Amino acid sequence: MIKVIKFNLNDLLNQNTSFSYYLLGRSYDLEENDASQDYSKALYYYQKGFENGYPLCIYSLGISYELGLGKVLDINKDKAKELLIDAYPKILELINNLDIDEVERVYAKFVIGAYYYFGLGEIEQDYNKAFEIIKECADKGHIAAIYDLGANFYYNGRGTDVNYELADYYLNLAKENGLKRAIDLYETRDKVKNRRQRHD
């Protein structure tokens, strides 16, 4: 049974560490850890970590420039590439740092999985490699990795065979642990399933 890693938003707000800045940025960006979406706060925490030279926040700013961040940060592909290239070797160093906590290592590995999934910086897109990394992170309780297995990998057959049973299992696990996008997607897929059944 997978033990999902959980964070308390108030605890994170009191920590003042680079890793907590990354987690807070993610929380406000992606509505994790019971946070309401607030792109201004997300950008604030990503920048705080970036100012400390923290690799996961350098990545977060890079991906924010790549995809945009609501109305607070416009897409800038050149800036995105520069930051994502800069972050990659530093994230690998972080993963290999024996002094960091295992939870932080799992979160750093997840980001490497994102590099392969999207083909970021100078990394070529490789769904097989991404699946291998994300699956390892999911098994260690990373909730976004659990969601990705259900929403993307098993459901769409990226890096692995299509397996709706496993897609449901992982998506349901993310939903049961309160991940908002998992709850939303689960409801959407349920509606589609019900519509199909009515037409059969």
C-alpha atoms as a PDB file:
ATOM      1  CA  MET A   1       0.000   0.000   0.000  1.00  0.00           C
ATOM      2  CA  ILE A   2       1.352   3.431  -0.971  1.00  0.00           C
ATOM      3  CA  LYS A   3       1.782   5.879   1.906  1.00  0.00           C
ATOM      4  CA  VAL A   4       1.077   9.306   0.413  1.00  0.00           C
ATOM      5  CA  ILE A   5       3.409  12.139   1.480  1.00  0.00           C
ATOM      6  CA  LYS A   6       1.381  14.993   2.971  1.00  0.00           C
ATOM      7  CA  PHE A   7       2.243  18.545   3.974  1.00  0.00           C
ATOM      8  CA  ASN A   8       0.421  21.008   6.186  1.00  0.00           C
ATOM      9  CA  LEU A   9       0.194  24.436   4.538  1.00  0.00           C
ATOM     10  CA  ASN A  10       0.582  26.316   7.840  1.00  0.00           C
ATOM     11  CA  ASP A  11       3.671  24.293   8.739  1.00  0.00           C
ATOM     12  CA  LEU A  12       5.192  25.089   5.342  1.00  0.00           C
ATOM     13  CA  LEU A  13       4.470  28.802   5.829  1.00  0.00           C
ATOM     14  CA  ASN A  14       6.502  28.721   9.059  1.00  0.00           C
ATOM     15  CA  GLN A  15       9.512  26.807   7.767  1.00  0.00           C
ATOM     16  CA  ASN A  16      11.467  29.356   5.706  1.00  0.00           C
ATOM     17  CA  THR A  17      13.548  26.754   3.871  1.00  0.00           C
ATOM     18  CA  SER A  18      14.206  26.608   0.146  1.00  0.00           C
ATOM     19  CA  PHE A  19      12.335  23.302  -0.090  1.00  0.00           C
ATOM     20  CA  SER A  20       9.321  24.812   1.713  1.00  0.00           C
ATOM     21  CA  TYR A  21       9.366  27.732  -0.766  1.00  0.00           C
ATOM     22  CA  TYR A  22       9.204  25.217  -3.621  1.00  0.00           C
ATOM     23  CA  LEU A  23       6.346  23.326  -1.961  1.00  0.00           C
ATOM     24  CA  LEU A  24       4.457  26.556  -1.251  1.00  0.00           C
ATOM     25  CA  GLY A  25       4.935  27.702  -4.840  1.00  0.00           C
ATOM     26  CA  ARG A  26       3.573  24.354  -6.082  1.00  0.00           C
ATOM     27  CA  SER A  27       0.715  24.485  -3.584  1.00  0.00           C
ATOM     28  CA  TYR A  28      -0.530  27.883  -4.760  1.00  0.00           C
ATOM     29  CA  ASP A  29       0.236  27.154  -8.418  1.00  0.00           C
ATOM     30  CA  LEU A  30      -1.411  23.716  -8.635  1.00  0.00           C
ATOM     31  CA  GLU A  31      -3.872  23.751  -5.715  1.00  0.00           C
ATOM     32  CA  GLU A  32      -1.991  21.196  -3.649  1.00  0.00           C
ATOM     33  CA  ASN A  33      -1.879  20.790   0.150  1.00  0.00           C
ATOM     34  CA  ASP A  34      -5.343  22.385   0.526  1.00  0.00           C
ATOM     35  CA  ALA A  35      -4.152  25.701  -0.944  1.00  0.00           C
ATOM     36  CA  SER A  36      -6.426  27.814  -3.144  1.00  0.00           C
ATOM     37  CA  GLN A  37      -4.907  28.753  -6.479  1.00  0.00           C
ATOM     38  CA  ASP A  38      -3.034  32.049  -6.235  1.00  0.00           C
ATOM     39  CA  TYR A  39      -0.484  32.641  -8.988  1.00  0.00           C
ATOM     40  CA  SER A  40       0.921  35.765  -7.323  1.00  0.00           C
ATOM     41  CA  LYS A  41       1.773  33.772  -4.186  1.00  0.00           C
ATOM     42  CA  ALA A  42       3.134  30.916  -6.306  1.00  0.00           C
ATOM     43  CA  LEU A  43       5.467  33.298  -8.138  1.00  0.00           C
ATOM     44  CA  TYR A  44       6.495  34.949  -4.848  1.00  0.00           C
ATOM     45  CA  TYR A  45       7.643  31.628  -3.359  1.00  0.00           C
ATOM     46  CA  TYR A  46       9.274  30.382  -6.559  1.00  0.00           C
ATOM     47  CA  GLN A  47      11.267  33.635  -6.667  1.00  0.00           C
ATOM     48  CA  LYS A  48      12.240  33.355  -2.980  1.00  0.00           C
ATOM     49  CA  GLY A  49      13.702  29.919  -3.641  1.00  0.00           C
ATOM     50  CA  PHE A  50      15.272  31.117  -6.881  1.00  0.00           C
ATOM     51  CA  GLU A  51      17.046  33.911  -4.992  1.00  0.00           C
ATOM     52  CA  ASN A  52      18.554  31.205  -2.754  1.00  0.00           C
ATOM     53  CA  GLY A  53      19.753  29.387  -5.885  1.00  0.00           C
ATOM     54  CA  TYR A  54      17.483  26.439  -5.075  1.00  0.00           C
ATOM     55  CA  PRO A  55      17.343  24.108  -8.113  1.00  0.00           C
ATOM     56  CA  LEU A  56      13.658  23.137  -7.818  1.00  0.00           C
ATOM     57  CA  CYS A  57      12.651  26.814  -7.757  1.00  0.00           C
ATOM     58  CA  ILE A  58      14.909  27.586 -10.736  1.00  0.00           C
ATOM     59  CA  TYR A  59      13.037  24.780 -12.534  1.00  0.00           C
ATOM     60  CA  SER A  60       9.668  26.111 -11.323  1.00  0.00           C
ATOM     61  CA  LEU A  61      10.360  29.568 -12.722  1.00  0.00           C
ATOM     62  CA  GLY A  62      11.522  27.930 -15.958  1.00  0.00           C
ATOM     63  CA  ILE A  63       8.364  25.849 -16.350  1.00  0.00           C
ATOM     64  CA  SER A  64       6.288  28.922 -15.433  1.00  0.00           C
ATOM     65  CA  TYR A  65       7.898  30.838 -18.312  1.00  0.00           C
ATOM     66  CA  GLU A  66       7.378  27.778 -20.536  1.00  0.00           C
ATOM     67  CA  LEU A  67       3.643  27.388 -19.808  1.00  0.00           C
ATOM     68  CA  GLY A  68       2.756  30.816 -18.407  1.00  0.00           C
ATOM     69  CA  LEU A  69       1.524  31.442 -14.870  1.00  0.00           C
ATOM     70  CA  GLY A  70      -1.995  32.830 -15.012  1.00  0.00           C
ATOM     71  CA  LYS A  71      -1.854  36.572 -15.608  1.00  0.00           C
ATOM     72  CA  VAL A  72       1.214  37.144 -13.428  1.00  0.00           C
ATOM     73  CA  LEU A  73       3.861  35.724 -15.777  1.00  0.00           C
ATOM     74  CA  ASP A  74       3.753  35.670 -19.579  1.00  0.00           C
ATOM     75  CA  ILE A  75       5.179  32.838 -21.655  1.00  0.00           C
ATOM     76  CA  ASN A  76       8.809  33.460 -22.590  1.00  0.00           C
ATOM     77  CA  LYS A  77      10.318  30.391 -24.274  1.00  0.00           C
ATOM     78  CA  ASP A  78      13.887  31.768 -24.366  1.00  0.00           C
ATOM     79  CA  LYS A  79      13.882  32.592 -20.652  1.00  0.00           C
ATOM     80  CA  ALA A  80      12.250  29.211 -19.943  1.00  0.00           C
ATOM     81  CA  LYS A  81      14.956  27.309 -21.813  1.00  0.00           C
ATOM     82  CA  GLU A  82      17.760  29.231 -20.125  1.00  0.00           C
ATOM     83  CA  LEU A  83      16.374  28.489 -16.636  1.00  0.00           C
ATOM     84  CA  LEU A  84      15.516  24.862 -17.385  1.00  0.00           C
ATOM     85  CA  ILE A  85      19.006  24.173 -18.768  1.00  0.00           C
ATOM     86  CA  ASP A  86      20.545  25.860 -15.705  1.00  0.00           C
ATOM     87  CA  ALA A  87      18.382  23.899 -13.253  1.00  0.00           C
ATOM     88  CA  TYR A  88      18.901  20.367 -14.622  1.00  0.00           C
ATOM     89  CA  PRO A  89      22.475  19.579 -13.441  1.00  0.00           C
ATOM     90  CA  LYS A  90      21.755  21.301 -10.113  1.00  0.00           C
ATOM     91  CA  ILE A  91      18.712  19.061  -9.567  1.00  0.00           C
ATOM     92  CA  LEU A  92      20.876  15.986 -10.244  1.00  0.00           C
ATOM     93  CA  GLU A  93      23.359  17.288  -7.646  1.00  0.00           C
ATOM     94  CA  LEU A  94      20.494  17.730  -5.188  1.00  0.00           C
ATOM     95  CA  ILE A  95      19.332  14.136  -5.763  1.00  0.00           C
ATOM     96  CA  ASN A  96      22.879  12.876  -5.097  1.00  0.00           C
ATOM     97  CA  ASN A  97      23.306  15.015  -1.965  1.00  0.00           C
ATOM     98  CA  LEU A  98      23.347  12.527   0.917  1.00  0.00           C
ATOM     99  CA  ASP A  99      22.487  15.263   3.421  1.00  0.00           C
ATOM    100  CA  ILE A 100      18.985  15.934   2.089  1.00  0.00           C
ATOM    101  CA  ASP A 101      15.830  14.308   3.379  1.00  0.00           C
ATOM    102  CA  GLU A 102      14.387  11.401   1.358  1.00  0.00           C
ATOM    103  CA  VAL A 103      11.131  13.330   0.756  1.00  0.00           C
ATOM    104  CA  GLU A 104      13.068  16.214  -0.813  1.00  0.00           C
ATOM    105  CA  ARG A 105      14.963  13.685  -2.975  1.00  0.00           C
ATOM    106  CA  VAL A 106      11.666  12.183  -4.216  1.00  0.00           C
ATOM    107  CA  TYR A 107      10.400  15.662  -5.146  1.00  0.00           C
ATOM    108  CA  ALA A 108      13.650  16.401  -6.993  1.00  0.00           C
ATOM    109  CA  LYS A 109      13.405  13.093  -8.901  1.00  0.00           C
ATOM    110  CA  PHE A 110       9.834  13.903  -9.874  1.00  0.00           C
ATOM    111  CA  VAL A 111      11.077  17.091 -11.541  1.00  0.00           C
ATOM    112  CA  ILE A 112      13.607  15.062 -13.550  1.00  0.00           C
ATOM    113  CA  GLY A 113      10.666  12.920 -14.656  1.00  0.00           C
ATOM    114  CA  ALA A 114       8.956  16.106 -15.895  1.00  0.00           C
ATOM    115  CA  TYR A 115      12.044  16.944 -17.992  1.00  0.00           C
ATOM    116  CA  TYR A 116      11.683  13.620 -19.833  1.00  0.00           C
ATOM    117  CA  TYR A 117       7.902  13.812 -20.052  1.00  0.00           C
ATOM    118  CA  PHE A 118       7.812  17.254 -21.676  1.00  0.00           C
ATOM    119  CA  GLY A 119      11.279  17.265 -23.298  1.00  0.00           C
ATOM    120  CA  LEU A 120      12.483  20.328 -21.383  1.00  0.00           C
ATOM    121  CA  GLY A 121      15.728  22.288 -21.703  1.00  0.00           C
ATOM    122  CA  GLU A 122      18.184  20.075 -23.585  1.00  0.00           C
ATOM    123  CA  ILE A 123      16.492  16.809 -22.599  1.00  0.00           C
ATOM    124  CA  GLU A 124      14.771  14.869 -25.367  1.00  0.00           C
ATOM    125  CA  GLN A 125      11.209  13.786 -24.697  1.00  0.00           C
ATOM    126  CA  ASP A 126      11.193  10.156 -23.581  1.00  0.00           C
ATOM    127  CA  TYR A 127       7.926   8.795 -22.182  1.00  0.00           C
ATOM    128  CA  ASN A 128       9.522   5.472 -21.196  1.00  0.00           C
ATOM    129  CA  LYS A 129      12.160   7.174 -19.078  1.00  0.00           C
ATOM    130  CA  ALA A 130       9.566   9.580 -17.658  1.00  0.00           C
ATOM    131  CA  PHE A 131       7.282   6.680 -16.707  1.00  0.00           C
ATOM    132  CA  GLU A 132      10.115   4.842 -14.945  1.00  0.00           C
ATOM    133  CA  ILE A 133      10.998   7.917 -12.833  1.00  0.00           C
ATOM    134  CA  ILE A 134       7.414   9.022 -12.117  1.00  0.00           C
ATOM    135  CA  LYS A 135       6.423   5.462 -11.138  1.00  0.00           C
ATOM    136  CA  GLU A 136       9.301   5.347  -8.631  1.00  0.00           C
ATOM    137  CA  CYS A 137       8.159   8.687  -7.144  1.00  0.00           C
ATOM    138  CA  ALA A 138       4.524   7.532  -7.007  1.00  0.00           C
ATOM    139  CA  ASP A 139       5.531   4.345  -5.166  1.00  0.00           C
ATOM    140  CA  LYS A 140       7.269   6.575  -2.609  1.00  0.00           C
ATOM    141  CA  GLY A 141       4.095   8.624  -2.059  1.00  0.00           C
ATOM    142  CA  HIS A 142       4.514  11.714  -4.288  1.00  0.00           C
ATOM    143  CA  ILE A 143       0.873  12.699  -4.866  1.00  0.00           C
ATOM    144  CA  ALA A 144       1.415  14.513  -8.179  1.00  0.00           C
ATOM    145  CA  ALA A 145       3.287  11.446  -9.485  1.00  0.00           C
ATOM    146  CA  ILE A 146       0.376   9.247  -8.376  1.00  0.00           C
ATOM    147  CA  TYR A 147      -1.997  11.579 -10.242  1.00  0.00           C
ATOM    148  CA  ASP A 148       0.190  11.535 -13.363  1.00  0.00           C
ATOM    149  CA  LEU A 149       0.209   7.732 -13.480  1.00  0.00           C
ATOM    150  CA  GLY A 150      -3.589   7.727 -13.448  1.00  0.00           C
ATOM    151  CA  ALA A 151      -4.253  10.789 -15.588  1.00  0.00           C
ATOM    152  CA  ASN A 152      -1.531  10.436 -18.214  1.00  0.00           C
ATOM    153  CA  PHE A 153       0.654   7.343 -18.277  1.00  0.00           C
ATOM    154  CA  TYR A 154      -1.724   4.410 -17.798  1.00  0.00           C
ATOM    155  CA  TYR A 155      -4.756   6.211 -19.238  1.00  0.00           C
ATOM    156  CA  ASN A 156      -3.018   7.278 -22.468  1.00  0.00           C
ATOM    157  CA  GLY A 157      -0.422   4.509 -22.730  1.00  0.00           C
ATOM    158  CA  ARG A 158       2.537   6.866 -22.491  1.00  0.00           C
ATOM    159  CA  GLY A 159       5.726   5.010 -21.605  1.00  0.00           C
ATOM    160  CA  THR A 160       3.677   1.939 -20.690  1.00  0.00           C
ATOM    161  CA  ASP A 161       0.667  -0.050 -21.914  1.00  0.00           C
ATOM    162  CA  VAL A 162      -2.818   1.427 -21.605  1.00  0.00           C
ATOM    163  CA  ASN A 163      -4.334   0.047 -18.412  1.00  0.00           C
ATOM    164  CA  TYR A 164      -7.620   1.644 -17.357  1.00  0.00           C
ATOM    165  CA  GLU A 165      -7.763  -0.395 -14.166  1.00  0.00           C
ATOM    166  CA  LEU A 166      -4.403   0.985 -12.986  1.00  0.00           C
ATOM    167  CA  ALA A 167      -5.311   4.467 -14.265  1.00  0.00           C
ATOM    168  CA  ASP A 168      -8.421   4.332 -12.066  1.00  0.00           C
ATOM    169  CA  TYR A 169      -6.471   2.979  -9.106  1.00  0.00           C
ATOM    170  CA  TYR A 170      -3.902   5.804  -9.125  1.00  0.00           C
ATOM    171  CA  LEU A 171      -6.373   8.544  -9.951  1.00  0.00           C
ATOM    172  CA  ASN A 172      -8.652   7.343  -7.164  1.00  0.00           C
ATOM    173  CA  LEU A 173      -5.714   7.300  -4.723  1.00  0.00           C
ATOM    174  CA  ALA A 174      -4.876  10.922  -5.596  1.00  0.00           C
ATOM    175  CA  LYS A 175      -8.568  11.853  -5.270  1.00  0.00           C
ATOM    176  CA  GLU A 176      -8.937  10.129  -1.871  1.00  0.00           C
ATOM    177  CA  ASN A 177      -5.925  12.106  -0.656  1.00  0.00           C
ATOM    178  CA  GLY A 178      -7.578  15.391  -1.576  1.00  0.00           C
ATOM    179  CA  LEU A 179      -5.741  16.416  -4.756  1.00  0.00           C
ATOM    180  CA  LYS A 180      -8.149  18.874  -6.377  1.00  0.00           C
ATOM    181  CA  ARG A 181      -7.215  18.177  -9.995  1.00  0.00           C
ATOM    182  CA  ALA A 182      -7.704  14.443  -9.360  1.00  0.00           C
ATOM    183  CA  ILE A 183     -11.181  15.091  -7.916  1.00  0.00           C
ATOM    184  CA  ASP A 184     -12.055  17.277 -10.942  1.00  0.00           C
ATOM    185  CA  LEU A 185     -10.720  14.789 -13.493  1.00  0.00           C
ATOM    186  CA  TYR A 186     -12.403  11.846 -11.761  1.00  0.00           C
ATOM    187  CA  GLU A 187     -15.769  13.626 -11.974  1.00  0.00           C
ATOM    188  CA  THR A 188     -15.210  14.460 -15.660  1.00  0.00           C
ATOM    189  CA  ARG A 189     -14.281  10.868 -16.523  1.00  0.00           C
ATOM    190  CA  ASP A 190     -17.249   9.539 -14.543  1.00  0.00           C
ATOM    191  CA  LYS A 191     -19.605  11.752 -16.558  1.00  0.00           C
ATOM    192  CA  VAL A 192     -18.067  10.549 -19.843  1.00  0.00           C
ATOM    193  CA  LYS A 193     -18.354   6.923 -18.674  1.00  0.00           C
ATOM    194  CA  ASN A 194     -22.011   7.394 -17.696  1.00  0.00           C
ATOM    195  CA  ARG A 195     -22.831   9.052 -21.026  1.00  0.00           C
ATOM    196  CA  ARG A 196     -21.215   6.153 -22.892  1.00  0.00           C
ATOM    197  CA  GLN A 197     -23.169   3.605 -20.857  1.00  0.00           C
ATOM    198  CA  ARG A 198     -26.449   5.389 -21.633  1.00  0.00           C
ATOM    199  CA  HIS A 199     -25.671   5.247 -25.355  1.00  0.00           C
ATOM    200  CA  ASP A 200     -24.627   1.565 -25.353  1.00  0.00           C
END
